[in-house]
Amino acid sequence: MVVLLFRLLIFISIIMIIYSGIKYLRNPQRKLKVAKEANEFYFLDDANNSKKNLQFVYKGCLFIGEKYLGATEDSFKVVDIHVSVKEPLELEGFTREDIYFLENEILIHYPHSKIEWKHPINQLLLTKLH
């Protein structure tokens, strides 16, 4: 009887370890961190929750977008997104083309939105081209 109980406890612990491993691998925050370290693009958002900020990583820089709900022609949707950067020093090497790429990616998910870039990103957009 004790052996059977011990086997059951081992089986339950193996199931818990496998479940924890799968949850860890599927964690979106972990995927965001991995993309940041690999200098890749990754877009993290809960489209069904307008109160939750969107996050995305591009070229090792973490951006945070605050979503604001508003009225469109037929329904309420996200109409304003204010994008800021977590660490401004990570913006080194960014160009206007990078910002335009990010705008296009946001507009794919939120086509009715107006994007406002916060300081210091807006300084890059305000400078004149030579």
Protein backbone atom coordinates (compact mmCIF):
# COMPACT_ATOMS: atom_id res chain seq x y z
CA MET A 1 0.00 0.00 0.00
CA VAL A 2 2.80 2.43 0.85
CA VAL A 3 4.55 1.63 -2.44
CA LEU A 4 1.39 2.37 -4.40
CA LEU A 5 0.93 5.68 -2.59
CA PHE A 6 4.57 6.59 -3.22
CA ARG A 7 4.18 5.82 -6.97
CA LEU A 8 1.07 8.00 -7.08
CA LEU A 9 2.93 10.91 -5.47
CA ILE A 10 5.81 10.53 -7.95
CA PHE A 11 3.36 10.48 -10.86
CA ILE A 12 1.59 13.62 -9.58
CA SER A 13 4.91 15.44 -9.11
CA ILE A 14 6.01 14.55 -12.67
CA ILE A 15 2.71 15.90 -14.03
CA MET A 16 3.19 19.12 -12.04
CA ILE A 17 6.75 19.57 -13.35
CA ILE A 18 5.61 19.07 -16.95
CA TYR A 19 2.71 21.51 -16.45
CA SER A 20 5.02 24.14 -14.93
CA GLY A 21 7.49 23.74 -17.79
CA ILE A 22 4.80 24.21 -20.42
CA LYS A 23 3.44 27.29 -18.61
CA TYR A 24 6.93 28.75 -18.43
CA LEU A 25 7.59 28.20 -22.14
CA ARG A 26 4.26 29.73 -23.17
CA ASN A 27 4.62 32.82 -20.94
CA PRO A 28 4.30 35.94 -23.15
CA GLN A 29 6.55 38.04 -20.91
CA ARG A 30 9.31 35.45 -21.33
CA LYS A 31 8.85 35.56 -25.11
CA LEU A 32 9.11 39.36 -24.97
CA LYS A 33 12.35 39.13 -23.00
CA VAL A 34 13.81 36.52 -25.39
CA ALA A 35 12.94 38.72 -28.40
CA LYS A 36 14.60 41.71 -26.74
CA GLU A 37 17.80 39.77 -26.13
CA ALA A 38 17.78 38.46 -29.71
CA ASN A 39 17.10 41.94 -31.22
CA GLU A 40 13.93 40.67 -32.90
CA PHE A 41 10.47 42.15 -33.31
CA TYR A 42 7.77 40.82 -30.97
CA PHE A 43 4.32 42.31 -30.39
CA LEU A 44 2.54 41.52 -27.11
CA ASP A 45 -1.04 42.66 -26.70
CA ASP A 46 -4.38 41.56 -25.33
CA ALA A 47 -6.69 42.90 -28.03
CA ASN A 48 -9.80 42.05 -26.01
CA ASN A 49 -8.68 44.18 -23.05
CA SER A 50 -8.49 47.89 -23.90
CA LYS A 51 -7.22 48.72 -20.40
CA LYS A 52 -4.09 46.60 -20.73
CA ASN A 53 -1.13 48.33 -22.38
CA LEU A 54 0.47 46.84 -25.44
CA GLN A 55 4.18 46.08 -25.44
CA PHE A 56 6.53 45.43 -28.28
CA VAL A 57 10.24 44.94 -28.76
CA TYR A 58 12.24 46.00 -31.79
CA LYS A 59 16.03 46.03 -32.14
CA GLY A 60 16.46 45.35 -28.42
CA CYS A 61 14.29 48.28 -27.31
CA LEU A 62 11.11 47.81 -25.27
CA PHE A 63 8.18 50.06 -26.19
CA ILE A 64 4.98 50.48 -24.18
CA GLY A 65 1.76 51.71 -25.77
CA GLU A 66 -1.13 53.06 -23.75
CA LYS A 67 -4.45 52.37 -25.47
CA TYR A 68 -7.39 54.78 -25.29
CA LEU A 69 -10.90 53.82 -26.28
CA GLY A 70 -13.07 56.10 -28.41
CA ALA A 71 -15.97 56.13 -30.84
CA THR A 72 -15.59 55.28 -34.51
CA GLU A 73 -18.31 55.33 -37.15
CA ASP A 74 -19.92 52.09 -36.02
CA SER A 75 -18.56 51.14 -32.58
CA PHE A 76 -16.15 51.90 -29.76
CA LYS A 77 -12.58 50.94 -30.58
CA VAL A 78 -9.03 51.90 -29.67
CA VAL A 79 -8.56 55.29 -31.32
CA ASP A 80 -5.44 56.65 -29.59
CA ILE A 81 -2.20 54.93 -28.73
CA HIS A 82 0.54 56.78 -26.87
CA VAL A 83 3.86 55.00 -27.31
CA SER A 84 6.80 55.53 -24.99
CA VAL A 85 10.06 53.74 -24.49
CA LYS A 86 11.10 52.02 -21.26
CA GLU A 87 14.82 52.89 -21.53
CA PRO A 88 15.61 55.89 -23.79
CA LEU A 89 19.27 54.85 -24.13
CA GLU A 90 18.17 51.74 -26.02
CA LEU A 91 17.01 53.98 -28.89
CA GLU A 92 20.57 54.46 -30.10
CA GLY A 93 20.75 53.70 -33.81
CA PHE A 94 17.02 54.01 -34.50
CA THR A 95 16.00 55.70 -37.74
CA ARG A 96 12.75 57.12 -39.06
CA GLU A 97 12.27 53.98 -41.13
CA ASP A 98 12.29 51.95 -37.91
CA ILE A 99 9.59 54.19 -36.42
CA TYR A 100 7.51 53.94 -39.61
CA PHE A 101 7.84 50.14 -39.49
CA LEU A 102 6.57 50.15 -35.90
CA GLU A 103 3.68 52.45 -36.85
CA ASN A 104 2.66 50.07 -39.62
CA GLU A 105 2.76 47.10 -37.24
CA ILE A 106 0.55 48.94 -34.74
CA LEU A 107 -1.88 49.98 -37.47
CA ILE A 108 -2.22 46.36 -38.57
CA HIS A 109 -3.68 45.56 -35.14
CA TYR A 110 -5.50 48.89 -34.59
CA PRO A 111 -6.40 50.40 -37.99
CA HIS A 112 -8.57 53.19 -36.52
CA SER A 113 -5.94 54.45 -34.11
CA LYS A 114 -3.88 57.61 -34.09
CA ILE A 115 -0.37 57.00 -32.81
CA GLU A 116 1.38 59.56 -30.64
CA TRP A 117 5.06 59.05 -29.92
CA LYS A 118 6.29 60.32 -26.57
CA HIS A 119 9.61 62.00 -25.85
CA PRO A 120 12.37 61.29 -27.02
CA ILE A 121 10.95 59.38 -30.01
CA ASN A 122 8.93 62.35 -31.23
CA GLN A 123 12.15 64.38 -31.50
CA LEU A 124 13.32 62.08 -34.27
CA LEU A 125 10.08 62.62 -36.16
CA LEU A 126 10.15 66.40 -35.70
CA THR A 127 13.68 66.97 -37.03
CA LYS A 128 13.97 68.01 -40.66
CA LEU A 129 15.45 65.72 -43.24
CA HIS A 130 18.63 67.00 -44.90
